[in-house]
C-alpha atoms as a PDB file:
ATOM      1  CA  MET A   1       3.140   2.503  64.071  1.00  0.00           C
ATOM      2  CA  SER A   2       1.789   0.222  66.802  1.00  0.00           C
ATOM      3  CA  ALA A   3       4.913   0.662  68.963  1.00  0.00           C
ATOM      4  CA  LEU A   4       4.608   4.451  68.662  1.00  0.00           C
ATOM      5  CA  LEU A   5       0.936   4.331  69.635  1.00  0.00           C
ATOM      6  CA  ASP A   6       1.722   2.107  72.620  1.00  0.00           C
ATOM      7  CA  GLU A   7       4.285   4.685  73.741  1.00  0.00           C
ATOM      8  CA  VAL A   8       1.725   7.494  73.403  1.00  0.00           C
ATOM      9  CA  SER A   9      -0.654   5.529  75.629  1.00  0.00           C
ATOM     10  CA  ARG A  10       1.934   4.564  78.236  1.00  0.00           C
ATOM     11  CA  PHE A  11       3.778   7.842  78.731  1.00  0.00           C
ATOM     12  CA  HIS A  12       1.629  10.675  77.374  1.00  0.00           C
ATOM     13  CA  PHE A  13      -1.943  11.968  77.356  1.00  0.00           C
ATOM     14  CA  PRO A  14      -4.081  10.477  74.572  1.00  0.00           C
ATOM     15  CA  ASN A  15      -7.767  11.178  74.059  1.00  0.00           C
ATOM     16  CA  PRO A  16     -10.192   8.272  73.667  1.00  0.00           C
ATOM     17  CA  PRO A  17     -10.199   6.789  70.150  1.00  0.00           C
ATOM     18  CA  ALA A  18     -12.228   8.219  67.291  1.00  0.00           C
ATOM     19  CA  THR A  19     -14.950   5.930  66.016  1.00  0.00           C
ATOM     20  CA  PRO A  20     -15.075   4.769  62.401  1.00  0.00           C
ATOM     21  CA  SER A  21     -18.165   6.949  61.910  1.00  0.00           C
ATOM     22  CA  GLU A  22     -16.295  10.006  63.280  1.00  0.00           C
ATOM     23  CA  ILE A  23     -13.459   9.306  60.858  1.00  0.00           C
ATOM     24  CA  GLU A  24     -15.929   8.974  57.983  1.00  0.00           C
ATOM     25  CA  ALA A  25     -17.605  12.272  58.950  1.00  0.00           C
ATOM     26  CA  PHE A  26     -14.191  13.961  59.120  1.00  0.00           C
ATOM     27  CA  GLU A  27     -13.220  12.668  55.677  1.00  0.00           C
ATOM     28  CA  GLN A  28     -16.517  13.901  54.257  1.00  0.00           C
ATOM     29  CA  ARG A  29     -15.977  17.338  55.812  1.00  0.00           C
ATOM     30  CA  VAL A  30     -12.417  17.845  54.543  1.00  0.00           C
ATOM     31  CA  GLY A  31     -12.705  16.014  51.211  1.00  0.00           C
ATOM     32  CA  TRP A  32      -9.691  13.705  51.631  1.00  0.00           C
ATOM     33  CA  ARG A  33      -9.079  10.347  53.276  1.00  0.00           C
ATOM     34  CA  LEU A  34      -6.744   9.723  56.186  1.00  0.00           C
ATOM     35  CA  ASP A  35      -3.612   7.859  55.142  1.00  0.00           C
ATOM     36  CA  PRO A  36      -2.738   4.591  56.964  1.00  0.00           C
ATOM     37  CA  ASP A  37      -0.632   6.341  59.657  1.00  0.00           C
ATOM     38  CA  LEU A  38      -3.240   8.973  60.449  1.00  0.00           C
ATOM     39  CA  ARG A  39      -6.053   6.399  60.401  1.00  0.00           C
ATOM     40  CA  ALA A  40      -4.152   4.201  62.882  1.00  0.00           C
ATOM     41  CA  PHE A  41      -3.454   7.209  65.119  1.00  0.00           C
ATOM     42  CA  TYR A  42      -7.076   8.401  65.192  1.00  0.00           C
ATOM     43  CA  LEU A  43      -8.463   4.903  65.720  1.00  0.00           C
ATOM     44  CA  HIS A  44      -6.057   4.653  68.671  1.00  0.00           C
ATOM     45  CA  CYS A  45      -6.632   8.163  70.053  1.00  0.00           C
ATOM     46  CA  ASP A  46      -8.581  11.161  68.784  1.00  0.00           C
ATOM     47  CA  GLY A  47      -5.693  13.528  69.475  1.00  0.00           C
ATOM     48  CA  ALA A  48      -3.032  13.542  72.165  1.00  0.00           C
ATOM     49  CA  LYS A  49      -0.794  15.791  74.237  1.00  0.00           C
ATOM     50  CA  LEU A  50       2.836  14.808  74.558  1.00  0.00           C
ATOM     51  CA  PHE A  51       4.978  15.315  77.669  1.00  0.00           C
ATOM     52  CA  ASP A  52       2.586  17.541  79.652  1.00  0.00           C
ATOM     53  CA  ARG A  53      -1.194  17.637  79.916  1.00  0.00           C
ATOM     54  CA  VAL A  54      -1.370  21.420  80.578  1.00  0.00           C
ATOM     55  CA  ASP A  55       1.526  22.760  78.494  1.00  0.00           C
ATOM     56  CA  PRO A  56       2.228  20.055  75.911  1.00  0.00           C
ATOM     57  CA  ALA A  57       5.275  20.238  73.680  1.00  0.00           C
ATOM     58  CA  PHE A  58       3.071  18.667  70.964  1.00  0.00           C
ATOM     59  CA  PHE A  59      -0.722  18.858  70.905  1.00  0.00           C
ATOM     60  CA  PHE A  60      -2.074  16.551  68.201  1.00  0.00           C
ATOM     61  CA  TYR A  61      -5.533  17.808  67.383  1.00  0.00           C
ATOM     62  CA  PRO A  62      -8.694  15.754  67.616  1.00  0.00           C
ATOM     63  CA  LEU A  63     -10.386  15.306  64.241  1.00  0.00           C
ATOM     64  CA  ALA A  64     -12.964  17.997  65.040  1.00  0.00           C
ATOM     65  CA  LYS A  65     -10.214  20.610  65.389  1.00  0.00           C
ATOM     66  CA  ILE A  66      -8.288  19.878  62.158  1.00  0.00           C
ATOM     67  CA  ARG A  67      -8.647  22.747  59.670  1.00  0.00           C
ATOM     68  CA  ARG A  68      -6.827  24.130  56.666  1.00  0.00           C
ATOM     69  CA  ALA A  69      -3.637  25.829  57.795  1.00  0.00           C
ATOM     70  CA  ARG A  70      -4.641  29.071  56.075  1.00  0.00           C
ATOM     71  CA  VAL A  71      -7.857  29.175  58.094  1.00  0.00           C
ATOM     72  CA  VAL A  72      -6.052  28.434  61.371  1.00  0.00           C
ATOM     73  CA  LEU A  73      -3.293  30.986  60.817  1.00  0.00           C
ATOM     74  CA  LEU A  74      -4.871  33.709  58.679  1.00  0.00           C
ATOM     75  CA  LYS A  75      -8.609  33.127  59.291  1.00  0.00           C
ATOM     76  CA  GLU A  76      -9.105  33.129  55.515  1.00  0.00           C
ATOM     77  CA  ASP A  77      -9.942  30.240  53.187  1.00  0.00           C
ATOM     78  CA  THR A  78      -8.735  31.639  49.859  1.00  0.00           C
ATOM     79  CA  ASP A  79      -5.813  30.656  47.628  1.00  0.00           C
ATOM     80  CA  ARG A  80      -4.006  33.922  48.314  1.00  0.00           C
ATOM     81  CA  ALA A  81      -3.936  32.940  52.009  1.00  0.00           C
ATOM     82  CA  GLY A  82      -1.986  29.735  51.381  1.00  0.00           C
ATOM     83  CA  PRO A  83      -2.272  26.260  49.884  1.00  0.00           C
ATOM     84  CA  ALA A  84      -5.603  24.492  50.208  1.00  0.00           C
ATOM     85  CA  SER A  85      -3.757  21.191  50.752  1.00  0.00           C
ATOM     86  CA  TRP A  86      -2.026  22.095  54.033  1.00  0.00           C
ATOM     87  CA  TYR A  87      -3.953  21.112  57.180  1.00  0.00           C
ATOM     88  CA  ALA A  88      -2.939  21.960  60.754  1.00  0.00           C
ATOM     89  CA  VAL A  89      -2.904  18.694  62.732  1.00  0.00           C
ATOM     90  CA  CYS A  90      -0.624  19.566  65.630  1.00  0.00           C
ATOM     91  CA  GLU A  91       0.222  22.647  67.657  1.00  0.00           C
ATOM     92  CA  VAL A  92       3.692  22.968  69.132  1.00  0.00           C
ATOM     93  CA  ARG A  93       4.797  25.251  71.929  1.00  0.00           C
ATOM     94  CA  ASP A  94       5.149  28.916  70.978  1.00  0.00           C
ATOM     95  CA  THR A  95       2.023  28.796  68.771  1.00  0.00           C
ATOM     96  CA  ASN A  96       3.571  27.164  65.746  1.00  0.00           C
ATOM     97  CA  TYR A  97       2.046  24.196  63.959  1.00  0.00           C
ATOM     98  CA  ILE A  98       2.648  20.962  62.129  1.00  0.00           C
ATOM     99  CA  PHE A  99       0.862  20.557  58.794  1.00  0.00           C
ATOM    100  CA  VAL A 100      -0.166  17.514  56.811  1.00  0.00           C
ATOM    101  CA  ASP A 101       0.223  18.219  53.093  1.00  0.00           C
ATOM    102  CA  VAL A 102      -2.500  16.161  51.418  1.00  0.00           C
ATOM    103  CA  ASN A 103      -1.084  16.927  47.946  1.00  0.00           C
ATOM    104  CA  GLN A 104       2.312  15.360  48.777  1.00  0.00           C
ATOM    105  CA  ARG A 105       2.228  11.575  49.095  1.00  0.00           C
ATOM    106  CA  ALA A 106       4.969   8.994  49.101  1.00  0.00           C
ATOM    107  CA  GLU A 107       4.175   5.306  49.463  1.00  0.00           C
ATOM    108  CA  GLY A 108       0.571   6.206  50.283  1.00  0.00           C
ATOM    109  CA  ARG A 109       1.465   8.552  53.164  1.00  0.00           C
ATOM    110  CA  TYR A 110       1.150  12.319  53.373  1.00  0.00           C
ATOM    111  CA  SER A 111       4.206  14.439  54.008  1.00  0.00           C
ATOM    112  CA  ILE A 112       4.524  16.617  57.101  1.00  0.00           C
ATOM    113  CA  ARG A 113       5.496  20.322  57.003  1.00  0.00           C
ATOM    114  CA  ASP A 114       6.822  22.772  59.556  1.00  0.00           C
ATOM    115  CA  GLY A 115       4.039  25.231  60.356  1.00  0.00           C
ATOM    116  CA  TYR A 116       6.300  28.195  61.027  1.00  0.00           C
ATOM    117  CA  ARG A 117       3.742  30.931  61.753  1.00  0.00           C
ATOM    118  CA  GLU A 118       5.919  33.973  61.071  1.00  0.00           C
ATOM    119  CA  ALA A 119       6.740  32.869  57.498  1.00  0.00           C
ATOM    120  CA  PHE A 120       3.421  31.287  56.538  1.00  0.00           C
ATOM    121  CA  PRO A 121       2.748  30.319  53.733  1.00  0.00           C
ATOM    122  CA  ASP A 122       6.266  30.509  52.261  1.00  0.00           C
ATOM    123  CA  PRO A 123       7.215  26.908  51.357  1.00  0.00           C
ATOM    124  CA  ALA A 124      10.903  27.697  51.966  1.00  0.00           C
ATOM    125  CA  TYR A 125      10.101  28.155  55.670  1.00  0.00           C
ATOM    126  CA  ASN A 126       7.090  25.854  55.871  1.00  0.00           C
ATOM    127  CA  ARG A 127       9.230  23.065  54.472  1.00  0.00           C
ATOM    128  CA  GLN A 128       8.704  19.330  54.530  1.00  0.00           C
ATOM    129  CA  ILE A 129      10.134  17.901  57.757  1.00  0.00           C
ATOM    130  CA  ALA A 130       8.949  14.274  57.597  1.00  0.00           C
ATOM    131  CA  GLY A 131       7.857  11.902  54.887  1.00  0.00           C
ATOM    132  CA  SER A 132       4.983  10.536  56.968  1.00  0.00           C
ATOM    133  CA  PHE A 133       3.007  11.042  60.143  1.00  0.00           C
ATOM    134  CA  SER A 134       4.655   7.996  61.744  1.00  0.00           C
ATOM    135  CA  GLU A 135       8.107   9.453  61.030  1.00  0.00           C
ATOM    136  CA  PHE A 136       7.074  12.747  62.625  1.00  0.00           C
ATOM    137  CA  LEU A 137       5.411  11.083  65.630  1.00  0.00           C
ATOM    138  CA  GLY A 138       8.520   8.983  66.246  1.00  0.00           C
ATOM    139  CA  GLY A 139      10.682  12.108  66.168  1.00  0.00           C
ATOM    140  CA  ALA A 140       8.309  13.918  68.523  1.00  0.00           C
ATOM    141  CA  LEU A 141       8.368  11.042  71.017  1.00  0.00           C
ATOM    142  CA  ARG A 142      12.204  11.014  71.011  1.00  0.00           C
ATOM    143  CA  SER A 143      12.497  14.818  70.996  1.00  0.00           C
ATOM    144  CA  ASN A 144      12.874  15.545  74.702  1.00  0.00           C
ATOM    145  CA  GLU A 145      10.231  18.260  74.109  1.00  0.00           C
ATOM    146  CA  GLU A 146      12.372  20.002  71.461  1.00  0.00           C
ATOM    147  CA  TRP A 147      11.691  20.929  67.843  1.00  0.00           C
ATOM    148  CA  PHE A 148      13.806  18.020  66.616  1.00  0.00           C
ATOM    149  CA  TRP A 149      13.484  18.975  62.931  1.00  0.00           C
ATOM    150  CA  LEU A 150      15.447  22.176  63.573  1.00  0.00           C
ATOM    151  CA  GLN A 151      18.438  20.378  65.050  1.00  0.00           C
ATOM    152  CA  THR A 152      21.636  20.384  63.033  1.00  0.00           C
ATOM    153  CA  GLU A 153      24.121  17.551  62.882  1.00  0.00           C
ATOM    154  CA  GLU A 154      26.430  19.585  65.129  1.00  0.00           C
ATOM    155  CA  ASP A 155      23.824  19.746  67.941  1.00  0.00           C
END
């Protein structure tokens, strides 16, 4: 994770780090704890824009902006509006999102889902695209500003 964070700092547009007290306040607000990848990211930078400061391909939200996906997309915080465990943590160009699924953990890390707006909250379209935040961040940094998780082996 440290090499990825160094790359964010060298070539992209990170915000100043979140403080431990800001992280604690965030965790109290949302009711779940950051996993090791997310904690490292937010202690390094409280959000970041990748590739362009004005029109970023990936806009990783500061802690204060992270909300349940169903609230971000449908402005409704009820179970019929989508899973309570999906949180929007990143906006990608064309007003789609990246979600952290706090109910899906492997090796202590939350899985990452495609936040495909037009099909929300269908899990067939809002599918898992990375097993961890560090896996997703690495893909984003190597993406050449593209939605790398949609690429096929033929591309």
